[in-house]
């Protein structure tokens, strides 16, 4: 049984056929639009400016022979053989460790680029 004043069933739940009055829907639309406009106007925090580069990873300007071998999908032995016969990109030997400069690797790759074959 419906209550004559509330449009709800006698036990307090809205009946399925009952809809909100037009004025209530208009008010909700106005409130929702107002909230959306307010949210759009709020000052969003600006992302922090990039500071000095302090990462936990070592600089990638120098690559190990394993890193170069992975990059070129070849074996470390091939790079070692090239060094023995004087082929391949220039390298550094620092404290007994072989390192390649990234700029030398990129230059070697650019020089090895095949443009057209006739």
PDB file of N, CA and C in Angstrom:
ATOM      1  N   UNK A   1       0.849  -1.184   0.000  1.00  0.00           N
ATOM      2  CA  UNK A   1       0.000   0.000   0.000  1.00  0.00           C
ATOM      3  C   UNK A   1       0.888   1.239   0.000  1.00  0.00           C
ATOM      4  N   UNK A   2       0.545   2.198  -0.835  1.00  0.00           N
ATOM      5  CA  UNK A   2       1.351   3.409  -0.941  1.00  0.00           C
ATOM      6  C   UNK A   2       0.907   4.429   0.075  1.00  0.00           C
ATOM      7  N   UNK A   3       1.895   5.143   0.606  1.00  0.00           N
ATOM      8  CA  UNK A   3       1.584   6.259   1.480  1.00  0.00           C
ATOM      9  C   UNK A   3       1.190   7.426   0.588  1.00  0.00           C
ATOM     10  N   UNK A   4       0.127   8.114   0.865  1.00  0.00           N
ATOM     11  CA  UNK A   4      -0.346   9.181  -0.027  1.00  0.00           C
ATOM     12  C   UNK A   4       0.592  10.375  -0.079  1.00  0.00           C
ATOM     13  N   UNK A   5       1.462  10.585   0.897  1.00  0.00           N
ATOM     14  CA  UNK A   5       2.274  11.800   0.931  1.00  0.00           C
ATOM     15  C   UNK A   5       3.684  11.596   0.385  1.00  0.00           C
ATOM     16  N   UNK A   6       4.240  10.388   0.444  1.00  0.00           N
ATOM     17  CA  UNK A   6       5.641  10.208   0.097  1.00  0.00           C
ATOM     18  C   UNK A   6       5.855   9.491  -1.212  1.00  0.00           C
ATOM     19  N   UNK A   7       4.868   8.812  -1.744  1.00  0.00           N
ATOM     20  CA  UNK A   7       5.057   8.069  -2.978  1.00  0.00           C
ATOM     21  C   UNK A   7       5.863   6.815  -2.743  1.00  0.00           C
ATOM     22  N   UNK A   8       5.900   6.341  -1.506  1.00  0.00           N
ATOM     23  CA  UNK A   8       6.632   5.124  -1.178  1.00  0.00           C
ATOM     24  C   UNK A   8       5.664   4.085  -0.685  1.00  0.00           C
ATOM     25  N   UNK A   9       6.120   2.853  -0.668  1.00  0.00           N
ATOM     26  CA  UNK A   9       5.306   1.785  -0.102  1.00  0.00           C
ATOM     27  C   UNK A   9       5.155   2.068   1.389  1.00  0.00           C
ATOM     28  N   UNK A  10       4.221   1.435   2.030  1.00  0.00           N
ATOM     29  CA  UNK A  10       3.946   1.670   3.442  1.00  0.00           C
ATOM     30  C   UNK A  10       5.154   1.338   4.304  1.00  0.00           C
ATOM     31  N   UNK A  11       6.031   0.410   3.866  1.00  0.00           N
ATOM     32  CA  UNK A  11       7.180   0.042   4.681  1.00  0.00           C
ATOM     33  C   UNK A  11       8.390   0.933   4.416  1.00  0.00           C
ATOM     34  N   UNK A  12       8.266   2.000   3.612  1.00  0.00           N
ATOM     35  CA  UNK A  12       9.306   3.005   3.468  1.00  0.00           C
ATOM     36  C   UNK A  12      10.163   2.886   2.222  1.00  0.00           C
ATOM     37  N   UNK A  13      10.018   1.877   1.398  1.00  0.00           N
ATOM     38  CA  UNK A  13      10.814   1.743   0.182  1.00  0.00           C
ATOM     39  C   UNK A  13      10.062   2.336  -0.998  1.00  0.00           C
ATOM     40  N   UNK A  14      10.760   2.986  -1.931  1.00  0.00           N
ATOM     41  CA  UNK A  14      10.059   3.544  -3.095  1.00  0.00           C
ATOM     42  C   UNK A  14       9.484   2.427  -3.943  1.00  0.00           C
ATOM     43  N   UNK A  15       8.315   2.686  -4.480  1.00  0.00           N
ATOM     44  CA  UNK A  15       7.713   1.679  -5.350  1.00  0.00           C
ATOM     45  C   UNK A  15       8.405   1.740  -6.705  1.00  0.00           C
ATOM     46  N   UNK A  16       8.433   0.618  -7.435  1.00  0.00           N
ATOM     47  CA  UNK A  16       9.125   0.605  -8.730  1.00  0.00           C
ATOM     48  C   UNK A  16       8.548   1.605  -9.717  1.00  0.00           C
ATOM     49  N   UNK A  17       7.304   1.884  -9.648  1.00  0.00           N
ATOM     50  CA  UNK A  17       6.682   2.791 -10.599  1.00  0.00           C
ATOM     51  C   UNK A  17       6.914   4.247 -10.240  1.00  0.00           C
ATOM     52  N   UNK A  18       7.426   4.528  -9.025  1.00  0.00           N
ATOM     53  CA  UNK A  18       7.603   5.902  -8.574  1.00  0.00           C
ATOM     54  C   UNK A  18       8.905   6.458  -9.122  1.00  0.00           C
ATOM     55  N   UNK A  19       8.871   7.635  -9.714  1.00  0.00           N
ATOM     56  CA  UNK A  19      10.071   8.323 -10.185  1.00  0.00           C
ATOM     57  C   UNK A  19      10.200   9.616  -9.409  1.00  0.00           C
ATOM     58  N   UNK A  20      11.395  10.195  -9.466  1.00  0.00           N
ATOM     59  CA  UNK A  20      11.588  11.470  -8.781  1.00  0.00           C
ATOM     60  C   UNK A  20      10.770  12.534  -9.501  1.00  0.00           C
ATOM     61  N   UNK A  21      10.264  13.492  -8.757  1.00  0.00           N
ATOM     62  CA  UNK A  21       9.545  14.595  -9.398  1.00  0.00           C
ATOM     63  C   UNK A  21      10.493  15.387 -10.291  1.00  0.00           C
ATOM     64  N   UNK A  22       9.950  16.053 -11.285  1.00  0.00           N
ATOM     65  CA  UNK A  22      10.734  16.839 -12.253  1.00  0.00           C
ATOM     66  C   UNK A  22      11.610  17.868 -11.559  1.00  0.00           C
ATOM     67  N   UNK A  23      11.118  18.534 -10.541  1.00  0.00           N
ATOM     68  CA  UNK A  23      11.891  19.568  -9.854  1.00  0.00           C
ATOM     69  C   UNK A  23      13.111  18.965  -9.152  1.00  0.00           C
ATOM     70  N   UNK A  24      12.989  17.750  -8.626  1.00  0.00           N
ATOM     71  CA  UNK A  24      14.120  17.103  -7.965  1.00  0.00           C
ATOM     72  C   UNK A  24      15.186  16.741  -8.991  1.00  0.00           C
ATOM     73  N   UNK A  25      14.784  16.220 -10.155  1.00  0.00           N
ATOM     74  CA  UNK A  25      15.750  15.887 -11.206  1.00  0.00           C
ATOM     75  C   UNK A  25      16.455  17.143 -11.697  1.00  0.00           C
ATOM     76  N   UNK A  26      15.710  18.257 -11.859  1.00  0.00           N
ATOM     77  CA  UNK A  26      16.332  19.514 -12.283  1.00  0.00           C
ATOM     78  C   UNK A  26      17.354  19.983 -11.260  1.00  0.00           C
ATOM     79  N   UNK A  27      17.026  19.901  -9.994  1.00  0.00           N
ATOM     80  CA  UNK A  27      17.928  20.323  -8.932  1.00  0.00           C
ATOM     81  C   UNK A  27      19.192  19.464  -8.940  1.00  0.00           C
ATOM     82  N   UNK A  28      19.028  18.146  -9.110  1.00  0.00           N
ATOM     83  CA  UNK A  28      20.191  17.256  -9.151  1.00  0.00           C
ATOM     84  C   UNK A  28      21.075  17.558 -10.363  1.00  0.00           C
ATOM     85  N   UNK A  29      20.462  17.869 -11.507  1.00  0.00           N
ATOM     86  CA  UNK A  29      21.237  18.234 -12.695  1.00  0.00           C
ATOM     87  C   UNK A  29      22.035  19.505 -12.461  1.00  0.00           C
ATOM     88  N   UNK A  30      21.426  20.504 -11.826  1.00  0.00           N
ATOM     89  CA  UNK A  30      22.106  21.764 -11.525  1.00  0.00           C
ATOM     90  C   UNK A  30      23.264  21.516 -10.567  1.00  0.00           C
ATOM     91  N   UNK A  31      23.044  20.709  -9.537  1.00  0.00           N
ATOM     92  CA  UNK A  31      24.111  20.411  -8.577  1.00  0.00           C
ATOM     93  C   UNK A  31      25.260  19.664  -9.246  1.00  0.00           C
ATOM     94  N   UNK A  32      24.946  18.689 -10.069  1.00  0.00           N
ATOM     95  CA  UNK A  32      25.991  17.917 -10.742  1.00  0.00           C
ATOM     96  C   UNK A  32      26.809  18.817 -11.662  1.00  0.00           C
ATOM     97  N   UNK A  33      26.155  19.702 -12.395  1.00  0.00           N
ATOM     98  CA  UNK A  33      26.870  20.628 -13.272  1.00  0.00           C
ATOM     99  C   UNK A  33      27.750  21.581 -12.494  1.00  0.00           C
ATOM    100  N   UNK A  34      27.254  22.056 -11.362  1.00  0.00           N
ATOM    101  CA  UNK A  34      28.015  22.969 -10.519  1.00  0.00           C
ATOM    102  C   UNK A  34      29.251  22.287  -9.958  1.00  0.00           C
ATOM    103  N   UNK A  35      29.090  21.049  -9.521  1.00  0.00           N
ATOM    104  CA  UNK A  35      30.235  20.295  -8.983  1.00  0.00           C
ATOM    105  C   UNK A  35      31.278  20.082 -10.075  1.00  0.00           C
ATOM    106  N   UNK A  36      30.836  19.751 -11.266  1.00  0.00           N
ATOM    107  CA  UNK A  36      31.772  19.523 -12.369  1.00  0.00           C
ATOM    108  C   UNK A  36      32.538  20.797 -12.711  1.00  0.00           C
ATOM    109  N   UNK A  37      31.848  21.940 -12.739  1.00  0.00           N
ATOM    110  CA  UNK A  37      32.527  23.211 -13.048  1.00  0.00           C
ATOM    111  C   UNK A  37      33.520  23.579 -11.954  1.00  0.00           C
ATOM    112  N   UNK A  38      33.140  23.352 -10.704  1.00  0.00           N
ATOM    113  CA  UNK A  38      34.047  23.658  -9.590  1.00  0.00           C
ATOM    114  C   UNK A  38      35.286  22.791  -9.658  1.00  0.00           C
ATOM    115  N   UNK A  39      35.112  21.512  -9.962  1.00  0.00           N
ATOM    116  CA  UNK A  39      36.258  20.597 -10.057  1.00  0.00           C
ATOM    117  C   UNK A  39      37.177  21.014 -11.200  1.00  0.00           C
ATOM    118  N   UNK A  40      36.611  21.492 -12.308  1.00  0.00           N
ATOM    119  CA  UNK A  40      37.431  21.904 -13.452  1.00  0.00           C
ATOM    120  C   UNK A  40      38.224  23.170 -13.139  1.00  0.00           C
ATOM    121  N   UNK A  41      37.691  24.034 -12.263  1.00  0.00           N
ATOM    122  CA  UNK A  41      38.373  25.292 -11.932  1.00  0.00           C
ATOM    123  C   UNK A  41      39.437  25.133 -10.866  1.00  0.00           C
ATOM    124  N   UNK A  42      39.370  24.039 -10.090  1.00  0.00           N
ATOM    125  CA  UNK A  42      40.330  23.871  -9.011  1.00  0.00           C
ATOM    126  C   UNK A  42      41.748  23.850  -9.576  1.00  0.00           C
ATOM    127  N   UNK A  43      42.646  24.437  -8.834  1.00  0.00           N
ATOM    128  CA  UNK A  43      44.047  24.428  -9.252  1.00  0.00           C
ATOM    129  C   UNK A  43      44.602  23.023  -9.082  1.00  0.00           C
ATOM    130  N   UNK A  44      45.003  22.448 -10.168  1.00  0.00           N
ATOM    131  CA  UNK A  44      45.623  21.133 -10.128  1.00  0.00           C
ATOM    132  C   UNK A  44      47.086  21.322  -9.738  1.00  0.00           C
ATOM    133  N   UNK A  45      47.646  20.446  -8.922  1.00  0.00           N
ATOM    134  CA  UNK A  45      49.060  20.593  -8.574  1.00  0.00           C
ATOM    135  C   UNK A  45      49.928  20.416  -9.807  1.00  0.00           C
ATOM    136  N   UNK A  46      50.899  21.309  -9.945  1.00  0.00           N
ATOM    137  CA  UNK A  46      51.799  21.233 -11.094  1.00  0.00           C
ATOM    138  C   UNK A  46      52.831  20.148 -10.843  1.00  0.00           C
ATOM    139  N   UNK A  47      53.210  19.426 -11.902  1.00  0.00           N
ATOM    140  CA  UNK A  47      54.232  18.404 -11.703  1.00  0.00           C
ATOM    141  C   UNK A  47      55.548  19.063 -11.316  1.00  0.00           C
ATOM    142  N   UNK A  48      56.333  18.404 -10.478  1.00  0.00           N
ATOM    143  CA  UNK A  48      57.602  19.010 -10.067  1.00  0.00           C
ATOM    144  C   UNK A  48      58.542  19.169 -11.255  1.00  0.00           C
ATOM    145  N   UNK A  49      59.328  20.227 -11.191  1.00  0.00           N
ATOM    146  CA  UNK A  49      60.298  20.459 -12.245  1.00  0.00           C
ATOM    147  C   UNK A  49      61.380  19.390 -12.171  1.00  0.00           C
ATOM    148  N   UNK A  50      61.849  18.962 -13.346  1.00  0.00           N
ATOM    149  CA  UNK A  50      62.894  17.941 -13.302  1.00  0.00           C
ATOM    150  C   UNK A  50      64.158  18.496 -12.650  1.00  0.00           C
ATOM    151  N   UNK A  51      64.633  17.779 -11.675  1.00  0.00           N
ATOM    152  CA  UNK A  51      65.836  18.194 -10.962  1.00  0.00           C
ATOM    153  C   UNK A  51      67.055  17.511 -11.539  1.00  0.00           C
ATOM    154  N   UNK A  52      68.131  17.567 -10.819  1.00  0.00           N
ATOM    155  CA  UNK A  52      69.321  16.882 -11.300  1.00  0.00           C
ATOM    156  C   UNK A  52      69.065  15.382 -11.388  1.00  0.00           C
ATOM    157  N   UNK A  53      69.662  14.764 -12.386  1.00  0.00           N
ATOM    158  CA  UNK A  53      69.434  13.353 -12.633  1.00  0.00           C
ATOM    159  C   UNK A  53      70.158  12.514 -11.591  1.00  0.00           C
ATOM    160  N   UNK A  54      69.393  12.008 -10.644  1.00  0.00           N
ATOM    161  CA  UNK A  54      69.978  11.141  -9.639  1.00  0.00           C
ATOM    162  C   UNK A  54      69.191   9.844  -9.653  1.00  0.00           C
ATOM    163  N   UNK A  55      69.710   8.856 -10.325  1.00  0.00           N
ATOM    164  CA  UNK A  55      69.037   7.575 -10.405  1.00  0.00           C
ATOM    165  C   UNK A  55      69.880   6.523  -9.718  1.00  0.00           C
ATOM    166  N   UNK A  56      69.221   5.453  -9.362  1.00  0.00           N
ATOM    167  CA  UNK A  56      69.927   4.363  -8.711  1.00  0.00           C
ATOM    168  C   UNK A  56      70.742   3.560  -9.727  1.00  0.00           C
ATOM    169  N   UNK A  57      70.337   3.626 -11.005  1.00  0.00           N
ATOM    170  CA  UNK A  57      71.049   2.876 -12.036  1.00  0.00           C
ATOM    171  C   UNK A  57      72.310   3.628 -12.458  1.00  0.00           C
ATOM    172  N   UNK A  58      73.343   2.895 -12.845  1.00  0.00           N
ATOM    173  CA  UNK A  58      74.538   3.576 -13.345  1.00  0.00           C
ATOM    174  C   UNK A  58      74.246   4.224 -14.689  1.00  0.00           C
ATOM    175  N   UNK A  59      75.057   5.167 -15.048  1.00  0.00           N
ATOM    176  CA  UNK A  59      74.878   5.865 -16.311  1.00  0.00           C
ATOM    177  C   UNK A  59      74.975   4.876 -17.466  1.00  0.00           C
ATOM    178  N   UNK A  60      74.136   5.057 -18.457  1.00  0.00           N
ATOM    179  CA  UNK A  60      74.133   4.172 -19.620  1.00  0.00           C
ATOM    180  C   UNK A  60      74.953   4.762 -20.764  1.00  0.00           C
ATOM    181  N   UNK A  61      75.809   5.698 -20.459  1.00  0.00           N
ATOM    182  CA  UNK A  61      76.698   6.257 -21.482  1.00  0.00           C
ATOM    183  C   UNK A  61      77.815   5.274 -21.800  1.00  0.00           C
ATOM    184  N   UNK A  62      78.130   4.402 -20.843  1.00  0.00           N
ATOM    185  CA  UNK A  62      79.129   3.366 -21.052  1.00  0.00           C
ATOM    186  C   UNK A  62      78.429   2.012 -20.987  1.00  0.00           C
ATOM    187  N   UNK A  63      78.697   1.173 -21.970  1.00  0.00           N
ATOM    188  CA  UNK A  63      78.052  -0.127 -22.055  1.00  0.00           C
ATOM    189  C   UNK A  63      79.098  -1.227 -21.907  1.00  0.00           C
ATOM    190  N   UNK A  64      78.728  -2.284 -21.214  1.00  0.00           N
ATOM    191  CA  UNK A  64      79.615  -3.436 -21.118  1.00  0.00           C
ATOM    192  C   UNK A  64      79.516  -4.249 -22.401  1.00  0.00           C
ATOM    193  N   UNK A  65      80.450  -5.178 -22.593  1.00  0.00           N
ATOM    194  CA  UNK A  65      80.393  -5.993 -23.807  1.00  0.00           C
ATOM    195  C   UNK A  65      79.141  -6.870 -23.799  1.00  0.00           C
ATOM    196  N   UNK A  66      78.679  -7.264 -22.631  1.00  0.00           N
ATOM    197  CA  UNK A  66      77.444  -8.050 -22.566  1.00  0.00           C
ATOM    198  C   UNK A  66      76.243  -7.218 -23.008  1.00  0.00           C
ATOM    199  N   UNK A  67      76.217  -5.954 -22.613  1.00  0.00           N
ATOM    200  CA  UNK A  67      75.117  -5.062 -23.005  1.00  0.00           C
ATOM    201  C   UNK A  67      75.115  -4.851 -24.515  1.00  0.00           C
ATOM    202  N   UNK A  68      76.298  -4.676 -25.095  1.00  0.00           N
ATOM    203  CA  UNK A  68      76.392  -4.490 -26.553  1.00  0.00           C
ATOM    204  C   UNK A  68      75.985  -5.778 -27.264  1.00  0.00           C
ATOM    205  N   UNK A  69      76.440  -6.935 -26.754  1.00  0.00           N
ATOM    206  CA  UNK A  69      76.065  -8.213 -27.356  1.00  0.00           C
ATOM    207  C   UNK A  69      74.554  -8.405 -27.320  1.00  0.00           C
ATOM    208  N   UNK A  70      73.908  -8.051 -26.209  1.00  0.00           N
ATOM    209  CA  UNK A  70      72.445  -8.142 -26.126  1.00  0.00           C
ATOM    210  C   UNK A  70      71.778  -7.183 -27.101  1.00  0.00           C
ATOM    211  N   UNK A  71      72.332  -5.994 -27.227  1.00  0.00           N
ATOM    212  CA  UNK A  71      71.767  -4.979 -28.136  1.00  0.00           C
ATOM    213  C   UNK A  71      71.816  -5.464 -29.585  1.00  0.00           C
ATOM    214  N   UNK A  72      72.909  -6.108 -29.944  1.00  0.00           N
ATOM    215  CA  UNK A  72      73.106  -6.540 -31.334  1.00  0.00           C
ATOM    216  C   UNK A  72      72.727  -8.006 -31.552  1.00  0.00           C
ATOM    217  N   UNK A  73      72.236  -8.657 -30.535  1.00  0.00           N
ATOM    218  CA  UNK A  73      71.849 -10.063 -30.616  1.00  0.00           C
ATOM    219  C   UNK A  73      73.010 -10.883 -31.207  1.00  0.00           C
ATOM    220  N   UNK A  74      74.153 -10.770 -30.574  1.00  0.00           N
ATOM    221  CA  UNK A  74      75.330 -11.540 -30.966  1.00  0.00           C
ATOM    222  C   UNK A  74      76.020 -12.014 -29.693  1.00  0.00           C
ATOM    223  N   UNK A  75      77.071 -12.774 -29.861  1.00  0.00           N
ATOM    224  CA  UNK A  75      77.762 -13.297 -28.681  1.00  0.00           C
ATOM    225  C   UNK A  75      78.850 -12.336 -28.215  1.00  0.00           C
ATOM    226  N   UNK A  76      79.179 -12.448 -26.946  1.00  0.00           N
ATOM    227  CA  UNK A  76      80.292 -11.684 -26.385  1.00  0.00           C
ATOM    228  C   UNK A  76      81.586 -12.114 -27.081  1.00  0.00           C
ATOM    229  N   UNK A  77      81.681 -13.402 -27.419  1.00  0.00           N
ATOM    230  CA  UNK A  77      82.877 -13.917 -28.101  1.00  0.00           C
ATOM    231  C   UNK A  77      83.107 -13.201 -29.435  1.00  0.00           C
ATOM    232  N   UNK A  78      82.053 -12.874 -30.142  1.00  0.00           N
ATOM    233  CA  UNK A  78      82.209 -12.158 -31.413  1.00  0.00           C
ATOM    234  C   UNK A  78      82.849 -10.788 -31.177  1.00  0.00           C
ATOM    235  N   UNK A  79      82.357 -10.076 -30.161  1.00  0.00           N
ATOM    236  CA  UNK A  79      82.933  -8.762 -29.854  1.00  0.00           C
ATOM    237  C   UNK A  79      84.409  -8.915 -29.461  1.00  0.00           C
ATOM    238  N   UNK A  80      84.708  -9.945 -28.692  1.00  0.00           N
ATOM    239  CA  UNK A  80      86.101 -10.195 -28.293  1.00  0.00           C
ATOM    240  C   UNK A  80      86.972 -10.505 -29.512  1.00  0.00           C
ATOM    241  N   UNK A  81      86.443 -11.293 -30.435  1.00  0.00           N
ATOM    242  CA  UNK A  81      87.180 -11.620 -31.668  1.00  0.00           C
ATOM    243  C   UNK A  81      87.424 -10.363 -32.492  1.00  0.00           C
ATOM    244  N   UNK A  82      86.397  -9.526 -32.621  1.00  0.00           N
ATOM    245  CA  UNK A  82      86.562  -8.273 -33.366  1.00  0.00           C
ATOM    246  C   UNK A  82      87.667  -7.418 -32.760  1.00  0.00           C
ATOM    247  N   UNK A  83      87.691  -7.330 -31.437  1.00  0.00           N
ATOM    248  CA  UNK A  83      88.738  -6.525 -30.791  1.00  0.00           C
ATOM    249  C   UNK A  83      90.122  -7.099 -31.088  1.00  0.00           C
ATOM    250  N   UNK A  84      90.231  -8.416 -31.120  1.00  0.00           N
ATOM    251  CA  UNK A  84      91.518  -9.072 -31.377  1.00  0.00           C
ATOM    252  C   UNK A  84      92.034  -8.755 -32.779  1.00  0.00           C
ATOM    253  N   UNK A  85      91.142  -8.717 -33.761  1.00  0.00           N
ATOM    254  CA  UNK A  85      91.566  -8.480 -35.151  1.00  0.00           C
ATOM    255  C   UNK A  85      91.413  -7.018 -35.571  1.00  0.00           C
ATOM    256  N   UNK A  86      90.982  -6.153 -34.642  1.00  0.00           N
ATOM    257  CA  UNK A  86      90.884  -4.724 -34.943  1.00  0.00           C
ATOM    258  C   UNK A  86      89.620  -4.315 -35.679  1.00  0.00           C
ATOM    259  N   UNK A  87      88.562  -5.101 -35.577  1.00  0.00           N
ATOM    260  CA  UNK A  87      87.282  -4.755 -36.206  1.00  0.00           C
ATOM    261  C   UNK A  87      86.321  -4.241 -35.138  1.00  0.00           C
ATOM    262  N   UNK A  88      85.145  -3.821 -35.589  1.00  0.00           N
ATOM    263  CA  UNK A  88      84.101  -3.402 -34.669  1.00  0.00           C
ATOM    264  C   UNK A  88      84.272  -1.965 -34.191  1.00  0.00           C
ATOM    265  N   UNK A  89      83.424  -1.571 -33.265  1.00  0.00           N
ATOM    266  CA  UNK A  89      83.449  -0.184 -32.781  1.00  0.00           C
ATOM    267  C   UNK A  89      84.619   0.050 -31.829  1.00  0.00           C
ATOM    268  N   UNK A  90      85.019   1.317 -31.679  1.00  0.00           N
ATOM    269  CA  UNK A  90      86.065   1.631 -30.700  1.00  0.00           C
ATOM    270  C   UNK A  90      85.604   1.267 -29.286  1.00  0.00           C
ATOM    271  N   UNK A  91      86.545   0.987 -28.416  1.00  0.00           N
ATOM    272  CA  UNK A  91      86.208   0.607 -27.049  1.00  0.00           C
ATOM    273  C   UNK A  91      87.219   1.209 -26.084  1.00  0.00           C
ATOM    274  N   UNK A  92      86.839   1.187 -24.821  1.00  0.00           N
ATOM    275  CA  UNK A  92      87.719   1.648 -23.744  1.00  0.00           C
ATOM    276  C   UNK A  92      88.124   0.436 -22.924  1.00  0.00           C
ATOM    277  N   UNK A  93      89.306   0.501 -22.367  1.00  0.00           N
ATOM    278  CA  UNK A  93      89.713  -0.535 -21.414  1.00  0.00           C
ATOM    279  C   UNK A  93      90.130   0.199 -20.158  1.00  0.00           C
ATOM    280  N   UNK A  94      89.282   0.122 -19.153  1.00  0.00           N
ATOM    281  CA  UNK A  94      89.499   0.844 -17.907  1.00  0.00           C
ATOM    282  C   UNK A  94      89.597  -0.181 -16.781  1.00  0.00           C
ATOM    283  N   UNK A  95      90.719  -0.174 -16.107  1.00  0.00           N
ATOM    284  CA  UNK A  95      90.985  -1.093 -15.001  1.00  0.00           C
ATOM    285  C   UNK A  95      90.696  -2.540 -15.435  1.00  0.00           C
ATOM    286  N   UNK A  96      91.115  -2.878 -16.632  1.00  0.00           N
ATOM    287  CA  UNK A  96      90.948  -4.234 -17.136  1.00  0.00           C
ATOM    288  C   UNK A  96      89.555  -4.570 -17.629  1.00  0.00           C
ATOM    289  N   UNK A  97      88.649  -3.612 -17.579  1.00  0.00           N
ATOM    290  CA  UNK A  97      87.268  -3.859 -18.016  1.00  0.00           C
ATOM    291  C   UNK A  97      87.034  -3.189 -19.362  1.00  0.00           C
ATOM    292  N   UNK A  98      86.454  -3.934 -20.293  1.00  0.00           N
ATOM    293  CA  UNK A  98      86.156  -3.409 -21.625  1.00  0.00           C
ATOM    294  C   UNK A  98      84.806  -2.707 -21.585  1.00  0.00           C
ATOM    295  N   UNK A  99      84.777  -1.459 -22.024  1.00  0.00           N
ATOM    296  CA  UNK A  99      83.548  -0.671 -22.064  1.00  0.00           C
ATOM    297  C   UNK A  99      83.429   0.007 -23.423  1.00  0.00           C
ATOM    298  N   UNK A 100      82.212   0.168 -23.862  1.00  0.00           N
ATOM    299  CA  UNK A 100      81.928   0.856 -25.120  1.00  0.00           C
ATOM    300  C   UNK A 100      81.151   2.128 -24.804  1.00  0.00           C
ATOM    301  N   UNK A 101      81.512   3.213 -25.466  1.00  0.00           N
ATOM    302  CA  UNK A 101      80.744   4.450 -25.308  1.00  0.00           C
ATOM    303  C   UNK A 101      79.493   4.351 -26.180  1.00  0.00           C
ATOM    304  N   UNK A 102      78.375   4.767 -25.642  1.00  0.00           N
ATOM    305  CA  UNK A 102      77.105   4.702 -26.363  1.00  0.00           C
ATOM    306  C   UNK A 102      77.194   5.456 -27.676  1.00  0.00           C
ATOM    307  N   UNK A 103      77.836   6.622 -27.676  1.00  0.00           N
ATOM    308  CA  UNK A 103      77.922   7.404 -28.915  1.00  0.00           C
ATOM    309  C   UNK A 103      78.725   6.660 -29.981  1.00  0.00           C
ATOM    310  N   UNK A 104      79.747   5.873 -29.573  1.00  0.00           N
ATOM    311  CA  UNK A 104      80.516   5.090 -30.540  1.00  0.00           C
ATOM    312  C   UNK A 104      79.689   3.931 -31.099  1.00  0.00           C
ATOM    313  N   UNK A 105      78.888   3.323 -30.249  1.00  0.00           N
ATOM    314  CA  UNK A 105      78.019   2.225 -30.696  1.00  0.00           C
ATOM    315  C   UNK A 105      76.989   2.750 -31.693  1.00  0.00           C
ATOM    316  N   UNK A 106      76.382   3.896 -31.369  1.00  0.00           N
ATOM    317  CA  UNK A 106      75.384   4.479 -32.275  1.00  0.00           C
ATOM    318  C   UNK A 106      76.019   4.897 -33.586  1.00  0.00           C
ATOM    319  N   UNK A 107      77.227   5.447 -33.552  1.00  0.00           N
ATOM    320  CA  UNK A 107      77.930   5.841 -34.784  1.00  0.00           C
ATOM    321  C   UNK A 107      78.254   4.605 -35.625  1.00  0.00           C
ATOM    322  N   UNK A 108      78.677   3.516 -34.984  1.00  0.00           N
ATOM    323  CA  UNK A 108      78.984   2.278 -35.697  1.00  0.00           C
ATOM    324  C   UNK A 108      77.718   1.725 -36.349  1.00  0.00           C
ATOM    325  N   UNK A 109      76.604   1.779 -35.627  1.00  0.00           N
ATOM    326  CA  UNK A 109      75.332   1.318 -36.187  1.00  0.00           C
ATOM    327  C   UNK A 109      74.939   2.165 -37.392  1.00  0.00           C
ATOM    328  N   UNK A 110      75.101   3.466 -37.288  1.00  0.00           N
ATOM    329  CA  UNK A 110      74.747   4.365 -38.403  1.00  0.00           C
ATOM    330  C   UNK A 110      75.626   4.084 -39.620  1.00  0.00           C
ATOM    331  N   UNK A 111      76.916   3.862 -39.383  1.00  0.00           N
ATOM    332  CA  UNK A 111      77.837   3.574 -40.488  1.00  0.00           C
ATOM    333  C   UNK A 111      77.534   2.213 -41.120  1.00  0.00           C
ATOM    334  N   UNK A 112      76.921   1.315 -40.375  1.00  0.00           N
ATOM    335  CA  UNK A 112      76.605  -0.031 -40.879  1.00  0.00           C
ATOM    336  C   UNK A 112      75.248  -0.098 -41.563  1.00  0.00           C
ATOM    337  N   UNK A 113      74.527   1.002 -41.558  1.00  0.00           N
ATOM    338  CA  UNK A 113      73.180   1.021 -42.143  1.00  0.00           C
ATOM    339  C   UNK A 113      73.261   0.836 -43.653  1.00  0.00           C
ATOM    340  N   UNK A 114      72.526  -0.147 -44.160  1.00  0.00           N
ATOM    341  CA  UNK A 114      72.472  -0.395 -45.597  1.00  0.00           C
ATOM    342  C   UNK A 114      71.280   0.365 -46.145  1.00  0.00           C
ATOM    343  N   UNK A 115      71.550   1.287 -47.062  1.00  0.00           N
ATOM    344  CA  UNK A 115      70.464   2.128 -47.589  1.00  0.00           C
ATOM    345  C   UNK A 115      69.794   1.490 -48.794  1.00  0.00           C
ATOM    346  N   UNK A 116      70.543   1.214 -49.854  1.00  0.00           N
ATOM    347  CA  UNK A 116      69.979   0.597 -51.056  1.00  0.00           C
ATOM    348  C   UNK A 116      71.005  -0.357 -51.630  1.00  0.00           C
ATOM    349  N   UNK A 117      70.500  -1.457 -52.137  1.00  0.00           N
ATOM    350  CA  UNK A 117      71.365  -2.415 -52.796  1.00  0.00           C
ATOM    351  C   UNK A 117      70.823  -2.621 -54.191  1.00  0.00           C
ATOM    352  N   UNK A 118      71.693  -2.463 -55.217  1.00  0.00           N
ATOM    353  CA  UNK A 118      71.263  -2.672 -56.606  1.00  0.00           C
ATOM    354  C   UNK A 118      71.933  -3.879 -57.190  1.00  0.00           C
TER     355      UNK A 118
END
